[in-house]
Amino acid sequence: MFHHAKHHIAAEPRASAPQCTTAKQCTTAQAHNSRRHKRSLLALALVSLGVLSACSPKEVGDVSLGLFTTKDIKIQTFNDPDIPGITCHISHVEADLSLADPSDMAIACRQTGEITLAMIENIDRSKSGEVVFTASKSILFKHLKIRRIFDESNRTLIYLSYSTKETKGSDKHSLTTVPLWGSQAWQALEAQQHAKKPE
């Protein structure tokens, strides 16, 4: 277990801001402070936008279901926030002008990068797993969720997509698996298993 060391450094006294002596100087100082404050807020907004963009799924496909329908199939991609070496693609129906919200969906996840033992040890390994993605699907308080579950005996990650609603959930769902075979995590788990075997 690692702990972040805290170093206490005595703060140097800050020089006091020069006082304005005339109304013109005060007005100029206030305008300067206002511009600096606006620049700080803009920088903060840009940083926040960048963080939100990084966390949001990227749309890679948009297929219309017909000329006289408002329903489209949206295809989005995202990486597992705890295991960046796994990329998932999800498809679901979006109905812009309809209160009906189809729950049909599909998901496919593949290993696209390294998967380490540290990543696996950091995830929820209970039978219910944990939600790694959620998105609102309609004004009817319906949500699309993707839950990750770890099949420890087979060393396989399971991704389950389903929809929920405050009053009633849908029984429609889709499932995909990502075996750890060939990854650093697989090799480390294999070594741990052999180390536990009696000689």
C-alpha atoms as a PDB file:
ATOM      1  CA  MET A   1       0.000   0.000   0.000  1.00  0.00           C
ATOM      2  CA  PHE A   2       1.344   3.359  -0.982  1.00  0.00           C
ATOM      3  CA  HIS A   3       0.852   6.547   0.970  1.00  0.00           C
ATOM      4  CA  HIS A   4       1.358  10.033  -0.311  1.00  0.00           C
ATOM      5  CA  ALA A   5       3.910  11.829   1.815  1.00  0.00           C
ATOM      6  CA  LYS A   6       2.898  15.314   2.900  1.00  0.00           C
ATOM      7  CA  HIS A   7       5.553  17.984   3.214  1.00  0.00           C
ATOM      8  CA  HIS A   8       4.759  21.067   5.228  1.00  0.00           C
ATOM      9  CA  ILE A   9       6.354  24.187   3.810  1.00  0.00           C
ATOM     10  CA  ALA A  10       6.088  27.495   5.557  1.00  0.00           C
ATOM     11  CA  ALA A  11       4.174  29.930   3.369  1.00  0.00           C
ATOM     12  CA  GLU A  12       6.007  33.084   2.422  1.00  0.00           C
ATOM     13  CA  PRO A  13       4.194  36.312   3.244  1.00  0.00           C
ATOM     14  CA  ARG A  14       2.518  37.745   0.158  1.00  0.00           C
ATOM     15  CA  ALA A  15       3.148  41.301  -0.749  1.00  0.00           C
ATOM     16  CA  SER A  16       0.080  43.433  -0.263  1.00  0.00           C
ATOM     17  CA  ALA A  17      -1.556  44.787  -3.418  1.00  0.00           C
ATOM     18  CA  PRO A  18      -0.803  48.445  -4.142  1.00  0.00           C
ATOM     19  CA  GLN A  19      -3.595  50.745  -3.050  1.00  0.00           C
ATOM     20  CA  CYS A  20      -5.150  53.054  -5.617  1.00  0.00           C
ATOM     21  CA  THR A  21      -5.061  56.732  -4.727  1.00  0.00           C
ATOM     22  CA  THR A  22      -7.365  58.192  -7.367  1.00  0.00           C
ATOM     23  CA  ALA A  23     -10.755  57.257  -8.804  1.00  0.00           C
ATOM     24  CA  LYS A  24      -9.154  56.610 -12.213  1.00  0.00           C
ATOM     25  CA  GLN A  25      -6.615  54.213 -10.718  1.00  0.00           C
ATOM     26  CA  CYS A  26      -9.336  52.369  -8.801  1.00  0.00           C
ATOM     27  CA  THR A  27     -11.472  52.023 -11.957  1.00  0.00           C
ATOM     28  CA  THR A  28      -8.478  50.704 -13.940  1.00  0.00           C
ATOM     29  CA  ALA A  29      -7.600  48.232 -11.175  1.00  0.00           C
ATOM     30  CA  GLN A  30     -11.183  46.959 -10.979  1.00  0.00           C
ATOM     31  CA  ALA A  31     -11.355  46.477 -14.754  1.00  0.00           C
ATOM     32  CA  HIS A  32      -8.047  44.569 -14.698  1.00  0.00           C
ATOM     33  CA  ASN A  33      -9.266  42.290 -11.898  1.00  0.00           C
ATOM     34  CA  SER A  34     -12.557  41.698 -13.722  1.00  0.00           C
ATOM     35  CA  ARG A  35     -10.754  40.658 -16.937  1.00  0.00           C
ATOM     36  CA  ARG A  36      -8.442  38.370 -14.996  1.00  0.00           C
ATOM     37  CA  HIS A  37     -11.438  36.772 -13.236  1.00  0.00           C
ATOM     38  CA  LYS A  38     -13.204  36.176 -16.561  1.00  0.00           C
ATOM     39  CA  ARG A  39     -10.068  34.584 -18.028  1.00  0.00           C
ATOM     40  CA  SER A  40      -9.845  32.262 -15.016  1.00  0.00           C
ATOM     41  CA  LEU A  41     -13.496  31.234 -15.389  1.00  0.00           C
ATOM     42  CA  LEU A  42     -13.017  30.600 -19.124  1.00  0.00           C
ATOM     43  CA  ALA A  43      -9.944  28.455 -18.490  1.00  0.00           C
ATOM     44  CA  LEU A  44     -11.845  26.469 -15.855  1.00  0.00           C
ATOM     45  CA  ALA A  45     -14.775  25.967 -18.231  1.00  0.00           C
ATOM     46  CA  LEU A  46     -12.472  24.699 -20.988  1.00  0.00           C
ATOM     47  CA  VAL A  47     -10.769  22.263 -18.627  1.00  0.00           C
ATOM     48  CA  SER A  48     -14.153  20.995 -17.391  1.00  0.00           C
ATOM     49  CA  LEU A  49     -15.356  20.562 -20.978  1.00  0.00           C
ATOM     50  CA  GLY A  50     -12.258  18.562 -21.801  1.00  0.00           C
ATOM     51  CA  VAL A  51     -12.819  16.276 -18.826  1.00  0.00           C
ATOM     52  CA  LEU A  52     -16.466  15.730 -19.751  1.00  0.00           C
ATOM     53  CA  SER A  53     -15.515  14.979 -23.356  1.00  0.00           C
ATOM     54  CA  ALA A  54     -12.956  12.434 -22.206  1.00  0.00           C
ATOM     55  CA  CYS A  55     -15.548  10.654 -20.032  1.00  0.00           C
ATOM     56  CA  SER A  56     -18.355  10.703 -22.598  1.00  0.00           C
ATOM     57  CA  PRO A  57     -18.890   7.941 -25.188  1.00  0.00           C
ATOM     58  CA  LYS A  58     -17.984   8.768 -28.777  1.00  0.00           C
ATOM     59  CA  GLU A  59     -20.614   8.284 -31.474  1.00  0.00           C
ATOM     60  CA  VAL A  60     -19.143   6.373 -34.420  1.00  0.00           C
ATOM     61  CA  GLY A  61     -22.323   5.400 -36.269  1.00  0.00           C
ATOM     62  CA  ASP A  62     -25.828   6.751 -36.940  1.00  0.00           C
ATOM     63  CA  VAL A  63     -28.196   4.635 -39.042  1.00  0.00           C
ATOM     64  CA  SER A  64     -31.759   5.737 -39.886  1.00  0.00           C
ATOM     65  CA  LEU A  65     -34.482   3.094 -39.681  1.00  0.00           C
ATOM     66  CA  GLY A  66     -36.485   4.709 -42.466  1.00  0.00           C
ATOM     67  CA  LEU A  67     -37.352   7.947 -44.198  1.00  0.00           C
ATOM     68  CA  PHE A  68     -40.674   8.354 -42.398  1.00  0.00           C
ATOM     69  CA  THR A  69     -39.542   7.409 -38.915  1.00  0.00           C
ATOM     70  CA  THR A  70     -37.705   9.351 -36.222  1.00  0.00           C
ATOM     71  CA  LYS A  71     -35.954   6.254 -34.921  1.00  0.00           C
ATOM     72  CA  ASP A  72     -32.228   5.852 -35.485  1.00  0.00           C
ATOM     73  CA  ILE A  73     -29.674   3.269 -34.456  1.00  0.00           C
ATOM     74  CA  LYS A  74     -26.858   4.981 -32.587  1.00  0.00           C
ATOM     75  CA  ILE A  75     -23.478   3.269 -32.333  1.00  0.00           C
ATOM     76  CA  GLN A  76     -21.152   4.523 -29.616  1.00  0.00           C
ATOM     77  CA  THR A  77     -17.753   3.482 -28.342  1.00  0.00           C
ATOM     78  CA  PHE A  78     -16.055   3.891 -24.986  1.00  0.00           C
ATOM     79  CA  ASN A  79     -13.194   2.424 -22.996  1.00  0.00           C
ATOM     80  CA  ASP A  80     -13.649   0.766 -19.635  1.00  0.00           C
ATOM     81  CA  PRO A  81     -12.758   3.543 -17.142  1.00  0.00           C
ATOM     82  CA  ASP A  82     -10.822   1.095 -14.938  1.00  0.00           C
ATOM     83  CA  ILE A  83      -9.366  -1.081 -17.719  1.00  0.00           C
ATOM     84  CA  PRO A  84      -8.473   1.224 -20.636  1.00  0.00           C
ATOM     85  CA  GLY A  85      -7.246  -1.771 -22.613  1.00  0.00           C
ATOM     86  CA  ILE A  86     -10.867  -2.798 -23.243  1.00  0.00           C
ATOM     87  CA  THR A  87     -12.953  -1.009 -25.874  1.00  0.00           C
ATOM     88  CA  CYS A  88     -16.708  -1.504 -26.092  1.00  0.00           C
ATOM     89  CA  HIS A  89     -19.170  -0.678 -28.873  1.00  0.00           C
ATOM     90  CA  ILE A  90     -22.846  -0.340 -28.064  1.00  0.00           C
ATOM     91  CA  SER A  91     -25.813   0.099 -30.374  1.00  0.00           C
ATOM     92  CA  HIS A  92     -29.258   1.202 -29.300  1.00  0.00           C
ATOM     93  CA  VAL A  93     -32.377   2.747 -30.805  1.00  0.00           C
ATOM     94  CA  GLU A  94     -33.016   6.431 -30.268  1.00  0.00           C
ATOM     95  CA  ALA A  95     -36.451   7.920 -30.938  1.00  0.00           C
ATOM     96  CA  ASP A  96     -36.293  11.718 -30.903  1.00  0.00           C
ATOM     97  CA  LEU A  97     -39.978  12.577 -31.285  1.00  0.00           C
ATOM     98  CA  SER A  98     -41.598   9.568 -29.672  1.00  0.00           C
ATOM     99  CA  LEU A  99     -42.421   8.745 -26.058  1.00  0.00           C
ATOM    100  CA  ALA A 100     -41.909   5.077 -26.871  1.00  0.00           C
ATOM    101  CA  ASP A 101     -38.343   4.087 -26.161  1.00  0.00           C
ATOM    102  CA  PRO A 102     -37.259   0.712 -27.537  1.00  0.00           C
ATOM    103  CA  SER A 103     -35.020  -1.234 -25.203  1.00  0.00           C
ATOM    104  CA  ASP A 104     -33.324  -3.273 -27.927  1.00  0.00           C
ATOM    105  CA  MET A 105     -29.583  -2.931 -27.705  1.00  0.00           C
ATOM    106  CA  ALA A 106     -26.371  -4.749 -28.496  1.00  0.00           C
ATOM    107  CA  ILE A 107     -22.854  -4.634 -27.100  1.00  0.00           C
ATOM    108  CA  ALA A 108     -19.448  -5.958 -28.121  1.00  0.00           C
ATOM    109  CA  CYS A 109     -16.233  -5.504 -26.118  1.00  0.00           C
ATOM    110  CA  ARG A 110     -12.707  -6.453 -27.168  1.00  0.00           C
ATOM    111  CA  GLN A 111      -9.214  -6.208 -25.752  1.00  0.00           C
ATOM    112  CA  THR A 112      -7.434  -3.364 -27.553  1.00  0.00           C
ATOM    113  CA  GLY A 113      -4.600  -2.757 -25.084  1.00  0.00           C
ATOM    114  CA  GLU A 114      -2.755  -4.114 -22.092  1.00  0.00           C
ATOM    115  CA  ILE A 115      -4.674  -5.570 -19.145  1.00  0.00           C
ATOM    116  CA  THR A 116      -2.625  -5.787 -15.964  1.00  0.00           C
ATOM    117  CA  LEU A 117      -3.147  -7.558 -12.670  1.00  0.00           C
ATOM    118  CA  ALA A 118      -3.284  -4.189 -10.895  1.00  0.00           C
ATOM    119  CA  MET A 119      -6.292  -3.225 -13.051  1.00  0.00           C
ATOM    120  CA  ILE A 120      -8.120  -6.460 -12.230  1.00  0.00           C
ATOM    121  CA  GLU A 121      -7.393  -6.139  -8.514  1.00  0.00           C
ATOM    122  CA  ASN A 122      -8.836  -2.607  -8.552  1.00  0.00           C
ATOM    123  CA  ILE A 123     -12.298  -3.547  -9.873  1.00  0.00           C
ATOM    124  CA  ASP A 124     -15.392  -4.806  -8.070  1.00  0.00           C
ATOM    125  CA  ARG A 125     -15.126  -8.609  -8.170  1.00  0.00           C
ATOM    126  CA  SER A 126     -18.475  -9.384  -6.534  1.00  0.00           C
ATOM    127  CA  LYS A 127     -21.200 -11.327  -8.356  1.00  0.00           C
ATOM    128  CA  SER A 128     -23.179  -8.148  -9.040  1.00  0.00           C
ATOM    129  CA  GLY A 129     -20.132  -6.315 -10.388  1.00  0.00           C
ATOM    130  CA  GLU A 130     -20.343  -2.580 -10.993  1.00  0.00           C
ATOM    131  CA  VAL A 131     -21.847  -0.163 -13.507  1.00  0.00           C
ATOM    132  CA  VAL A 132     -19.187   1.279 -15.823  1.00  0.00           C
ATOM    133  CA  PHE A 133     -21.464   3.225 -18.171  1.00  0.00           C
ATOM    134  CA  THR A 134     -24.906   4.826 -17.947  1.00  0.00           C
ATOM    135  CA  ALA A 135     -26.894   7.093 -20.255  1.00  0.00           C
ATOM    136  CA  SER A 136     -30.396   8.542 -20.238  1.00  0.00           C
ATOM    137  CA  LYS A 137     -32.527   7.103 -23.022  1.00  0.00           C
ATOM    138  CA  SER A 138     -35.779   9.057 -22.846  1.00  0.00           C
ATOM    139  CA  ILE A 139     -37.897  11.576 -20.995  1.00  0.00           C
ATOM    140  CA  LEU A 140     -39.534   8.593 -19.297  1.00  0.00           C
ATOM    141  CA  PHE A 141     -36.594   8.267 -16.861  1.00  0.00           C
ATOM    142  CA  LYS A 142     -35.221   5.237 -18.637  1.00  0.00           C
ATOM    143  CA  HIS A 143     -31.479   4.590 -18.518  1.00  0.00           C
ATOM    144  CA  LEU A 144     -29.119   2.397 -20.495  1.00  0.00           C
ATOM    145  CA  LYS A 145     -26.550   0.787 -18.221  1.00  0.00           C
ATOM    146  CA  ILE A 146     -23.518  -1.411 -18.762  1.00  0.00           C
ATOM    147  CA  ARG A 147     -22.359  -3.513 -15.838  1.00  0.00           C
ATOM    148  CA  ARG A 148     -18.983  -5.232 -15.610  1.00  0.00           C
ATOM    149  CA  ILE A 149     -18.764  -8.612 -13.822  1.00  0.00           C
ATOM    150  CA  PHE A 150     -15.593 -10.634 -13.359  1.00  0.00           C
ATOM    151  CA  ASP A 151     -15.780 -14.409 -13.887  1.00  0.00           C
ATOM    152  CA  GLU A 152     -12.805 -15.302 -11.718  1.00  0.00           C
ATOM    153  CA  SER A 153     -12.756 -19.044 -12.360  1.00  0.00           C
ATOM    154  CA  ASN A 154     -12.533 -18.527 -16.128  1.00  0.00           C
ATOM    155  CA  ARG A 155     -10.568 -15.256 -15.873  1.00  0.00           C
ATOM    156  CA  THR A 156     -13.064 -13.500 -18.084  1.00  0.00           C
ATOM    157  CA  LEU A 157     -14.647 -10.052 -17.935  1.00  0.00           C
ATOM    158  CA  ILE A 158     -18.391  -9.942 -18.631  1.00  0.00           C
ATOM    159  CA  TYR A 159     -20.143  -6.792 -19.853  1.00  0.00           C
ATOM    160  CA  LEU A 160     -23.942  -6.766 -19.520  1.00  0.00           C
ATOM    161  CA  SER A 161     -26.037  -4.020 -21.117  1.00  0.00           C
ATOM    162  CA  TYR A 162     -29.623  -3.469 -19.981  1.00  0.00           C
ATOM    163  CA  SER A 163     -32.151  -0.705 -19.404  1.00  0.00           C
ATOM    164  CA  THR A 164     -33.716   0.423 -16.159  1.00  0.00           C
ATOM    165  CA  LYS A 165     -36.670   2.580 -15.186  1.00  0.00           C
ATOM    166  CA  GLU A 166     -37.765   3.975 -11.847  1.00  0.00           C
ATOM    167  CA  THR A 167     -41.005   1.954 -11.874  1.00  0.00           C
ATOM    168  CA  LYS A 168     -40.254  -0.940 -14.205  1.00  0.00           C
ATOM    169  CA  GLY A 169     -37.132  -2.341 -15.830  1.00  0.00           C
ATOM    170  CA  SER A 170     -36.923  -4.149 -19.169  1.00  0.00           C
ATOM    171  CA  ASP A 171     -35.977  -7.815 -19.434  1.00  0.00           C
ATOM    172  CA  LYS A 172     -34.182  -7.158 -22.710  1.00  0.00           C
ATOM    173  CA  HIS A 173     -30.434  -7.255 -22.408  1.00  0.00           C
ATOM    174  CA  SER A 174     -27.225  -8.072 -24.227  1.00  0.00           C
ATOM    175  CA  LEU A 175     -23.970  -9.641 -23.075  1.00  0.00           C
ATOM    176  CA  THR A 176     -20.370  -9.813 -24.264  1.00  0.00           C
ATOM    177  CA  THR A 177     -17.216 -11.298 -22.732  1.00  0.00           C
ATOM    178  CA  VAL A 178     -13.504 -10.482 -22.815  1.00  0.00           C
ATOM    179  CA  PRO A 179     -11.217 -13.359 -21.775  1.00  0.00           C
ATOM    180  CA  LEU A 180      -7.955 -12.283 -20.158  1.00  0.00           C
ATOM    181  CA  TRP A 181      -6.058 -14.933 -22.133  1.00  0.00           C
ATOM    182  CA  GLY A 182      -2.707 -13.667 -23.379  1.00  0.00           C
ATOM    183  CA  SER A 183      -2.679 -10.588 -21.157  1.00  0.00           C
ATOM    184  CA  GLN A 184      -0.279  -9.727 -18.348  1.00  0.00           C
ATOM    185  CA  ALA A 185      -3.181 -10.165 -15.931  1.00  0.00           C
ATOM    186  CA  TRP A 186      -3.714 -13.772 -17.095  1.00  0.00           C
ATOM    187  CA  GLN A 187      -0.041 -14.611 -16.639  1.00  0.00           C
ATOM    188  CA  ALA A 188       0.041 -13.046 -13.152  1.00  0.00           C
ATOM    189  CA  LEU A 189      -3.119 -14.899 -12.076  1.00  0.00           C
ATOM    190  CA  GLU A 190      -1.681 -18.137 -13.476  1.00  0.00           C
ATOM    191  CA  ALA A 191       1.501 -17.612 -11.455  1.00  0.00           C
ATOM    192  CA  GLN A 192      -0.553 -16.938  -8.309  1.00  0.00           C
ATOM    193  CA  GLN A 193      -2.526 -20.161  -8.810  1.00  0.00           C
ATOM    194  CA  HIS A 194       0.627 -22.261  -9.255  1.00  0.00           C
ATOM    195  CA  ALA A 195       2.166 -20.666  -6.154  1.00  0.00           C
ATOM    196  CA  LYS A 196      -0.841 -21.751  -4.062  1.00  0.00           C
ATOM    197  CA  LYS A 197      -0.624 -25.394  -5.152  1.00  0.00           C
ATOM    198  CA  PRO A 198       1.062 -27.684  -2.598  1.00  0.00           C
ATOM    199  CA  GLU A 199       4.396 -29.058  -3.730  1.00  0.00           C
END
